[in-house]
Amino acid sequence: AAGVAMAAYYGAFGTLAQAVSPFFALVLAFGLPP
């Protein structure tokens, strides 16, 4: 989750994703453990 969010933060998925990158971490980190 943190790896994907960091990639987004550094612009890998575009400007919008860069602005909201921690939300990628939130969703993935909550959904992956189960």
Full PDB file with SEQRES, HELIX, SHEET, SSBOND, CRYST1, ORIGX, SCALE, CONECT and MASTER records, all heavy atoms in Angstrom:
SEQRES   1 A   34  ALA ALA GLY VAL ALA MET ALA ALA TYR TYR GLY ALA PHE          
SEQRES   2 A   34  GLY THR LEU ALA GLN ALA VAL SER PRO PHE PHE ALA LEU          
SEQRES   3 A   34  VAL LEU ALA PHE GLY LEU PRO PRO                              
HELIX    1 AA1 ALA A    2  TYR A    9  1                                   8    
HELIX    2 AA2 THR A   15  ALA A   19  1                                   5    
HELIX    3 AA3 SER A   21  GLY A   31  1                                  11    
CRYST1    1.000    1.000    1.000  90.00  90.00  90.00 P 1           1          
ORIGX1      1.000000  0.000000  0.000000        0.00000                         
ORIGX2      0.000000  1.000000  0.000000        0.00000                         
ORIGX3      0.000000  0.000000  1.000000        0.00000                         
SCALE1      1.000000  0.000000  0.000000        0.00000                         
SCALE2      0.000000  1.000000  0.000000        0.00000                         
SCALE3      0.000000  0.000000  1.000000        0.00000                         
ATOM      1  N   ALA A   1       0.820  -1.206   0.000  1.00  0.00           N  
ATOM      2  CA  ALA A   1       0.000   0.000   0.000  1.00  0.00           C  
ATOM      3  C   ALA A   1       0.858   1.263   0.000  1.00  0.00           C  
ATOM      4  O   ALA A   1       0.608   2.204  -0.765  1.00  0.00           O  
ATOM      5  CB  ALA A   1      -0.922  -0.008   1.218  1.00  0.00           C  
ATOM      6  N   ALA A   2       1.876   1.283   0.848  1.00  0.00           N  
ATOM      7  CA  ALA A   2       2.754   2.448   0.909  1.00  0.00           C  
ATOM      8  C   ALA A   2       3.558   2.596  -0.377  1.00  0.00           C  
ATOM      9  O   ALA A   2       3.796   3.722  -0.845  1.00  0.00           O  
ATOM     10  CB  ALA A   2       3.695   2.336   2.108  1.00  0.00           C  
ATOM     11  N   GLY A   3       3.960   1.475  -0.968  1.00  0.00           N  
ATOM     12  CA  GLY A   3       4.710   1.535  -2.220  1.00  0.00           C  
ATOM     13  C   GLY A   3       3.888   2.127  -3.356  1.00  0.00           C  
ATOM     14  O   GLY A   3       4.373   2.978  -4.113  1.00  0.00           O  
ATOM     15  N   VAL A   4       2.640   1.695  -3.474  1.00  0.00           N  
ATOM     16  CA  VAL A   4       1.758   2.241  -4.516  1.00  0.00           C  
ATOM     17  C   VAL A   4       1.500   3.726  -4.265  1.00  0.00           C  
ATOM     18  O   VAL A   4       1.517   4.546  -5.195  1.00  0.00           O  
ATOM     19  CB  VAL A   4       0.430   1.454  -4.565  1.00  0.00           C  
ATOM     20  CG1 VAL A   4      -0.571   2.148  -5.491  1.00  0.00           C  
ATOM     21  CG2 VAL A   4       0.674   0.023  -5.019  1.00  0.00           C  
ATOM     22  N   ALA A   5       1.259   4.073  -2.994  1.00  0.00           N  
ATOM     23  CA  ALA A   5       0.999   5.471  -2.661  1.00  0.00           C  
ATOM     24  C   ALA A   5       2.211   6.351  -2.957  1.00  0.00           C  
ATOM     25  O   ALA A   5       2.064   7.476  -3.451  1.00  0.00           O  
ATOM     26  CB  ALA A   5       0.611   5.590  -1.188  1.00  0.00           C  
ATOM     27  N   MET A   6       3.389   5.855  -2.661  1.00  0.00           N  
ATOM     28  CA  MET A   6       4.595   6.622  -2.955  1.00  0.00           C  
ATOM     29  C   MET A   6       4.786   6.811  -4.458  1.00  0.00           C  
ATOM     30  O   MET A   6       5.198   7.879  -4.918  1.00  0.00           O  
ATOM     31  CB  MET A   6       5.814   5.927  -2.348  1.00  0.00           C  
ATOM     32  CG  MET A   6       6.004   6.184  -0.874  1.00  0.00           C  
ATOM     33  SD  MET A   6       6.295   7.930  -0.555  1.00  0.00           S  
ATOM     34  CE  MET A   6       6.567   7.882   1.215  1.00  0.00           C  
ATOM     35  N   ALA A   7       4.482   5.765  -5.220  1.00  0.00           N  
ATOM     36  CA  ALA A   7       4.567   5.895  -6.680  1.00  0.00           C  
ATOM     37  C   ALA A   7       3.608   6.974  -7.167  1.00  0.00           C  
ATOM     38  O   ALA A   7       3.952   7.787  -8.034  1.00  0.00           O  
ATOM     39  CB  ALA A   7       4.249   4.553  -7.337  1.00  0.00           C  
ATOM     40  N   ALA A   8       2.411   6.983  -6.587  1.00  0.00           N  
ATOM     41  CA  ALA A   8       1.442   8.013  -6.955  1.00  0.00           C  
ATOM     42  C   ALA A   8       1.938   9.396  -6.535  1.00  0.00           C  
ATOM     43  O   ALA A   8       1.794  10.378  -7.278  1.00  0.00           O  
ATOM     44  CB  ALA A   8       0.090   7.711  -6.307  1.00  0.00           C  
ATOM     45  N   TYR A   9       2.526   9.470  -5.333  1.00  0.00           N  
ATOM     46  CA  TYR A   9       3.011  10.749  -4.817  1.00  0.00           C  
ATOM     47  C   TYR A   9       4.072  11.353  -5.734  1.00  0.00           C  
ATOM     48  O   TYR A   9       4.143  12.582  -5.906  1.00  0.00           O  
ATOM     49  CB  TYR A   9       3.580  10.542  -3.416  1.00  0.00           C  
ATOM     50  CG  TYR A   9       4.157  11.791  -2.793  1.00  0.00           C  
ATOM     51  CD1 TYR A   9       3.327  12.744  -2.210  1.00  0.00           C  
ATOM     52  CD2 TYR A   9       5.533  12.011  -2.772  1.00  0.00           C  
ATOM     53  CE1 TYR A   9       3.853  13.887  -1.634  1.00  0.00           C  
ATOM     54  CE2 TYR A   9       6.065  13.154  -2.198  1.00  0.00           C  
ATOM     55  CZ  TYR A   9       5.228  14.091  -1.624  1.00  0.00           C  
ATOM     56  OH  TYR A   9       5.754  15.230  -1.070  1.00  0.00           O  
ATOM     57  N   TYR A  10       4.902  10.493  -6.322  1.00  0.00           N  
ATOM     58  CA  TYR A  10       5.955  10.993  -7.206  1.00  0.00           C  
ATOM     59  C   TYR A  10       5.513  11.082  -8.671  1.00  0.00           C  
ATOM     60  O   TYR A  10       6.347  11.212  -9.562  1.00  0.00           O  
ATOM     61  CB  TYR A  10       7.196  10.128  -7.064  1.00  0.00           C  
ATOM     62  CG  TYR A  10       7.948  10.413  -5.781  1.00  0.00           C  
ATOM     63  CD1 TYR A  10       7.911   9.522  -4.714  1.00  0.00           C  
ATOM     64  CD2 TYR A  10       8.663  11.593  -5.618  1.00  0.00           C  
ATOM     65  CE1 TYR A  10       8.579   9.780  -3.519  1.00  0.00           C  
ATOM     66  CE2 TYR A  10       9.330  11.868  -4.435  1.00  0.00           C  
ATOM     67  CZ  TYR A  10       9.289  10.967  -3.390  1.00  0.00           C  
ATOM     68  OH  TYR A  10       9.950  11.239  -2.220  1.00  0.00           O  
ATOM     69  N   GLY A  11       4.182  11.010  -8.901  1.00  0.00           N  
ATOM     70  CA  GLY A  11       3.638  11.320 -10.220  1.00  0.00           C  
ATOM     71  C   GLY A  11       3.471  10.170 -11.171  1.00  0.00           C  
ATOM     72  O   GLY A  11       3.201  10.391 -12.356  1.00  0.00           O  
ATOM     73  N   ALA A  12       3.597   8.928 -10.714  1.00  0.00           N  
ATOM     74  CA  ALA A  12       3.512   7.783 -11.625  1.00  0.00           C  
ATOM     75  C   ALA A  12       2.131   7.628 -12.254  1.00  0.00           C  
ATOM     76  O   ALA A  12       2.008   7.078 -13.349  1.00  0.00           O  
ATOM     77  CB  ALA A  12       3.890   6.494 -10.886  1.00  0.00           C  
ATOM     78  N   PHE A  13       1.089   8.098 -11.571  1.00  0.00           N  
ATOM     79  CA  PHE A  13      -0.274   7.908 -12.066  1.00  0.00           C  
ATOM     80  C   PHE A  13      -0.971   9.212 -12.429  1.00  0.00           C  
ATOM     81  O   PHE A  13      -2.196   9.274 -12.539  1.00  0.00           O  
ATOM     82  CB  PHE A  13      -1.114   7.159 -11.011  1.00  0.00           C  
ATOM     83  CG  PHE A  13      -0.473   5.903 -10.507  1.00  0.00           C  
ATOM     84  CD1 PHE A  13      -0.318   5.686  -9.149  1.00  0.00           C  
ATOM     85  CD2 PHE A  13       0.007   4.942 -11.395  1.00  0.00           C  
ATOM     86  CE1 PHE A  13       0.286   4.528  -8.669  1.00  0.00           C  
ATOM     87  CE2 PHE A  13       0.616   3.788 -10.929  1.00  0.00           C  
ATOM     88  CZ  PHE A  13       0.758   3.580  -9.570  1.00  0.00           C  
ATOM     89  N   GLY A  14      -0.212  10.272 -12.572  1.00  0.00           N  
ATOM     90  CA  GLY A  14      -0.805  11.536 -12.990  1.00  0.00           C  
ATOM     91  C   GLY A  14      -0.911  12.539 -11.853  1.00  0.00           C  
ATOM     92  O   GLY A  14      -0.679  12.232 -10.679  1.00  0.00           O  
ATOM     93  N   THR A  15      -1.303  13.756 -12.215  1.00  0.00           N  
ATOM     94  CA  THR A  15      -1.342  14.868 -11.264  1.00  0.00           C  
ATOM     95  C   THR A  15      -2.396  14.679 -10.183  1.00  0.00           C  
ATOM     96  O   THR A  15      -2.157  14.946  -9.008  1.00  0.00           O  
ATOM     97  CB  THR A  15      -1.608  16.187 -12.013  1.00  0.00           C  
ATOM     98  OG1 THR A  15      -0.619  16.367 -13.032  1.00  0.00           O  
ATOM     99  CG2 THR A  15      -1.551  17.367 -11.049  1.00  0.00           C  
ATOM    100  N   LEU A  16      -3.596  14.231 -10.580  1.00  0.00           N  
ATOM    101  CA  LEU A  16      -4.667  14.048  -9.606  1.00  0.00           C  
ATOM    102  C   LEU A  16      -4.300  12.986  -8.575  1.00  0.00           C  
ATOM    103  O   LEU A  16      -4.474  13.183  -7.364  1.00  0.00           O  
ATOM    104  CB  LEU A  16      -5.966  13.664 -10.314  1.00  0.00           C  
ATOM    105  CG  LEU A  16      -7.175  13.412  -9.407  1.00  0.00           C  
ATOM    106  CD1 LEU A  16      -7.497  14.665  -8.597  1.00  0.00           C  
ATOM    107  CD2 LEU A  16      -8.397  12.987 -10.233  1.00  0.00           C  
ATOM    108  N   ALA A  17      -3.784  11.856  -9.042  1.00  0.00           N  
ATOM    109  CA  ALA A  17      -3.375  10.787  -8.132  1.00  0.00           C  
ATOM    110  C   ALA A  17      -2.246  11.256  -7.216  1.00  0.00           C  
ATOM    111  O   ALA A  17      -2.172  10.853  -6.047  1.00  0.00           O  
ATOM    112  CB  ALA A  17      -2.934   9.563  -8.913  1.00  0.00           C  
ATOM    113  N   GLN A  18      -1.399  12.109  -7.716  1.00  0.00           N  
ATOM    114  CA  GLN A  18      -0.302  12.639  -6.902  1.00  0.00           C  
ATOM    115  C   GLN A  18      -0.833  13.444  -5.716  1.00  0.00           C  
ATOM    116  O   GLN A  18      -0.314  13.352  -4.609  1.00  0.00           O  
ATOM    117  CB  GLN A  18       0.596  13.528  -7.764  1.00  0.00           C  
ATOM    118  CG  GLN A  18       1.837  14.043  -7.073  1.00  0.00           C  
ATOM    119  CD  GLN A  18       2.731  14.826  -8.025  1.00  0.00           C  
ATOM    120  OE1 GLN A  18       2.250  15.430  -8.989  1.00  0.00           O  
ATOM    121  NE2 GLN A  18       4.028  14.823  -7.769  1.00  0.00           N  
ATOM    122  N   ALA A  19      -1.905  14.211  -5.948  1.00  0.00           N  
ATOM    123  CA  ALA A  19      -2.464  15.054  -4.891  1.00  0.00           C  
ATOM    124  C   ALA A  19      -3.151  14.238  -3.796  1.00  0.00           C  
ATOM    125  O   ALA A  19      -3.220  14.670  -2.647  1.00  0.00           O  
ATOM    126  CB  ALA A  19      -3.452  16.053  -5.495  1.00  0.00           C  
ATOM    127  N   VAL A  20      -3.674  13.070  -4.165  1.00  0.00           N  
ATOM    128  CA  VAL A  20      -4.454  12.271  -3.193  1.00  0.00           C  
ATOM    129  C   VAL A  20      -3.777  10.933  -2.901  1.00  0.00           C  
ATOM    130  O   VAL A  20      -4.430   9.980  -2.488  1.00  0.00           O  
ATOM    131  CB  VAL A  20      -5.890  12.042  -3.715  1.00  0.00           C  
ATOM    132  CG1 VAL A  20      -6.608  13.363  -3.894  1.00  0.00           C  
ATOM    133  CG2 VAL A  20      -5.891  11.257  -5.025  1.00  0.00           C  
ATOM    134  N   SER A  21      -2.469  10.854  -3.057  1.00  0.00           N  
ATOM    135  CA  SER A  21      -1.764   9.575  -2.946  1.00  0.00           C  
ATOM    136  C   SER A  21      -2.003   8.833  -1.629  1.00  0.00           C  
ATOM    137  O   SER A  21      -2.106   7.596  -1.634  1.00  0.00           O  
ATOM    138  CB  SER A  21      -0.258   9.789  -3.175  1.00  0.00           C  
ATOM    139  OG  SER A  21       0.281  10.706  -2.233  1.00  0.00           O  
ATOM    140  N   PRO A  22      -2.102   9.511  -0.459  1.00  0.00           N  
ATOM    141  CA  PRO A  22      -2.341   8.750   0.777  1.00  0.00           C  
ATOM    142  C   PRO A  22      -3.652   7.961   0.774  1.00  0.00           C  
ATOM    143  O   PRO A  22      -3.779   6.972   1.496  1.00  0.00           O  
ATOM    144  CB  PRO A  22      -2.349   9.832   1.865  1.00  0.00           C  
ATOM    145  CG  PRO A  22      -1.504  10.926   1.313  1.00  0.00           C  
ATOM    146  CD  PRO A  22      -1.820  10.927  -0.148  1.00  0.00           C  
ATOM    147  N   PHE A  23      -4.618   8.381  -0.041  1.00  0.00           N  
ATOM    148  CA  PHE A  23      -5.875   7.632  -0.114  1.00  0.00           C  
ATOM    149  C   PHE A  23      -5.671   6.272  -0.788  1.00  0.00           C  
ATOM    150  O   PHE A  23      -6.388   5.319  -0.488  1.00  0.00           O  
ATOM    151  CB  PHE A  23      -6.949   8.447  -0.838  1.00  0.00           C  
ATOM    152  CG  PHE A  23      -7.519   9.547   0.011  1.00  0.00           C  
ATOM    153  CD1 PHE A  23      -7.054  10.847  -0.094  1.00  0.00           C  
ATOM    154  CD2 PHE A  23      -8.515   9.282   0.932  1.00  0.00           C  
ATOM    155  CE1 PHE A  23      -7.561  11.863   0.682  1.00  0.00           C  
ATOM    156  CE2 PHE A  23      -9.042  10.289   1.730  1.00  0.00           C  
ATOM    157  CZ  PHE A  23      -8.564  11.586   1.609  1.00  0.00           C  
ATOM    158  N   PHE A  24      -4.691   6.177  -1.681  1.00  0.00           N  
ATOM    159  CA  PHE A  24      -4.327   4.871  -2.247  1.00  0.00           C  
ATOM    160  C   PHE A  24      -3.844   3.950  -1.125  1.00  0.00           C  
ATOM    161  O   PHE A  24      -4.213   2.771  -1.054  1.00  0.00           O  
ATOM    162  CB  PHE A  24      -3.219   5.034  -3.295  1.00  0.00           C  
ATOM    163  CG  PHE A  24      -3.674   5.595  -4.608  1.00  0.00           C  
ATOM    164  CD1 PHE A  24      -3.831   6.955  -4.794  1.00  0.00           C  
ATOM    165  CD2 PHE A  24      -3.950   4.760  -5.682  1.00  0.00           C  
ATOM    166  CE1 PHE A  24      -4.241   7.486  -5.999  1.00  0.00           C  
ATOM    167  CE2 PHE A  24      -4.363   5.269  -6.900  1.00  0.00           C  
ATOM    168  CZ  PHE A  24      -4.517   6.635  -7.062  1.00  0.00           C  
ATOM    169  N   ALA A  25      -2.994   4.509  -0.243  1.00  0.00           N  
ATOM    170  CA  ALA A  25      -2.472   3.722   0.870  1.00  0.00           C  
ATOM    171  C   ALA A  25      -3.589   3.291   1.807  1.00  0.00           C  
ATOM    172  O   ALA A  25      -3.632   2.139   2.260  1.00  0.00           O  
ATOM    173  CB  ALA A  25      -1.423   4.537   1.636  1.00  0.00           C  
ATOM    174  N   LEU A  26      -4.519   4.185   2.084  1.00  0.00           N  
ATOM    175  CA  LEU A  26      -5.626   3.885   2.992  1.00  0.00           C  
ATOM    176  C   LEU A  26      -6.481   2.733   2.475  1.00  0.00           C  
ATOM    177  O   LEU A  26      -6.762   1.769   3.200  1.00  0.00           O  
ATOM    178  CB  LEU A  26      -6.486   5.140   3.183  1.00  0.00           C  
ATOM    179  CG  LEU A  26      -7.797   4.974   3.954  1.00  0.00           C  
ATOM    180  CD1 LEU A  26      -7.534   4.485   5.368  1.00  0.00           C  
ATOM    181  CD2 LEU A  26      -8.568   6.299   3.969  1.00  0.00           C  
ATOM    182  N   VAL A  27      -6.876   2.817   1.227  1.00  0.00           N  
ATOM    183  CA  VAL A  27      -7.766   1.797   0.646  1.00  0.00           C  
ATOM    184  C   VAL A  27      -7.052   0.451   0.529  1.00  0.00           C  
ATOM    185  O   VAL A  27      -7.595  -0.599   0.917  1.00  0.00           O  
ATOM    186  CB  VAL A  27      -8.291   2.267  -0.723  1.00  0.00           C  
ATOM    187  CG1 VAL A  27      -9.068   1.143  -1.416  1.00  0.00           C  
ATOM    188  CG2 VAL A  27      -9.183   3.497  -0.563  1.00  0.00           C  
ATOM    189  N   LEU A  28      -5.848   0.450   0.013  1.00  0.00           N  
ATOM    190  CA  LEU A  28      -5.113  -0.807  -0.174  1.00  0.00           C  
ATOM    191  C   LEU A  28      -4.751  -1.455   1.162  1.00  0.00           C  
ATOM    192  O   LEU A  28      -4.894  -2.672   1.329  1.00  0.00           O  
ATOM    193  CB  LEU A  28      -3.846  -0.555  -0.986  1.00  0.00           C  
ATOM    194  CG  LEU A  28      -4.039  -0.295  -2.486  1.00  0.00           C  
ATOM    195  CD1 LEU A  28      -2.722   0.125  -3.117  1.00  0.00           C  
ATOM    196  CD2 LEU A  28      -4.594  -1.533  -3.178  1.00  0.00           C  
ATOM    197  N   ALA A  29      -4.292  -0.659   2.122  1.00  0.00           N  
ATOM    198  CA  ALA A  29      -3.870  -1.218   3.404  1.00  0.00           C  
ATOM    199  C   ALA A  29      -5.044  -1.783   4.189  1.00  0.00           C  
ATOM    200  O   ALA A  29      -4.871  -2.716   4.971  1.00  0.00           O  
ATOM    201  CB  ALA A  29      -3.160  -0.147   4.230  1.00  0.00           C  
ATOM    202  N   PHE A  30      -6.224  -1.239   3.973  1.00  0.00           N  
ATOM    203  CA  PHE A  30      -7.391  -1.784   4.670  1.00  0.00           C  
ATOM    204  C   PHE A  30      -7.952  -3.011   3.942  1.00  0.00           C  
ATOM    205  O   PHE A  30      -8.448  -3.950   4.570  1.00  0.00           O  
ATOM    206  CB  PHE A  30      -8.490  -0.725   4.796  1.00  0.00           C  
ATOM    207  CG  PHE A  30      -9.600  -1.135   5.726  1.00  0.00           C  
ATOM    208  CD1 PHE A  30      -9.477  -0.961   7.090  1.00  0.00           C  
ATOM    209  CD2 PHE A  30     -10.757  -1.709   5.231  1.00  0.00           C  
ATOM    210  CE1 PHE A  30     -10.491  -1.349   7.950  1.00  0.00           C  
ATOM    211  CE2 PHE A  30     -11.777  -2.108   6.085  1.00  0.00           C  
ATOM    212  CZ  PHE A  30     -11.654  -1.926   7.458  1.00  0.00           C  
ATOM    213  N   GLY A  31      -7.851  -3.024   2.630  1.00  0.00           N  
ATOM    214  CA  GLY A  31      -8.447  -4.114   1.864  1.00  0.00           C  
ATOM    215  C   GLY A  31      -7.586  -5.356   1.717  1.00  0.00           C  
ATOM    216  O   GLY A  31      -8.107  -6.470   1.588  1.00  0.00           O  
ATOM    217  N   LEU A  32      -6.266  -5.207   1.754  1.00  0.00           N  
ATOM    218  CA  LEU A  32      -5.377  -6.344   1.506  1.00  0.00           C  
ATOM    219  C   LEU A  32      -5.264  -7.356   2.649  1.00  0.00           C  
ATOM    220  O   LEU A  32      -5.175  -8.564   2.381  1.00  0.00           O  
ATOM    221  CB  LEU A  32      -3.976  -5.830   1.136  1.00  0.00           C  
ATOM    222  CG  LEU A  32      -3.820  -5.262  -0.278  1.00  0.00           C  
ATOM    223  CD1 LEU A  32      -2.416  -4.698  -0.459  1.00  0.00           C  
ATOM    224  CD2 LEU A  32      -4.085  -6.339  -1.325  1.00  0.00           C  
ATOM    225  N   PRO A  33      -5.238  -6.950   3.931  1.00  0.00           N  
ATOM    226  CA  PRO A  33      -5.042  -7.945   4.987  1.00  0.00           C  
ATOM    227  C   PRO A  33      -6.010  -9.127   4.984  1.00  0.00           C  
ATOM    228  O   PRO A  33      -5.567 -10.275   5.157  1.00  0.00           O  
ATOM    229  CB  PRO A  33      -5.166  -7.111   6.271  1.00  0.00           C  
ATOM    230  CG  PRO A  33      -4.643  -5.785   5.871  1.00  0.00           C  
ATOM    231  CD  PRO A  33      -5.166  -5.580   4.475  1.00  0.00           C  
ATOM    232  N   PRO A  34      -7.321  -8.944   4.765  1.00  0.00           N  
ATOM    233  CA  PRO A  34      -8.197 -10.122   4.703  1.00  0.00           C  
ATOM    234  C   PRO A  34      -7.853 -11.054   3.549  1.00  0.00           C  
ATOM    235  O   PRO A  34      -7.948 -12.284   3.676  1.00  0.00           O  
ATOM    236  CB  PRO A  34      -9.596  -9.521   4.533  1.00  0.00           C  
ATOM    237  CG  PRO A  34      -9.485  -8.130   5.020  1.00  0.00           C  
ATOM    238  CD  PRO A  34      -8.096  -7.694   4.689  1.00  0.00           C  
TER     239      PRO A  34                                                      
MASTER        0    0    0    3    0    0    0    6  238    1    0    3          
END                                                                             
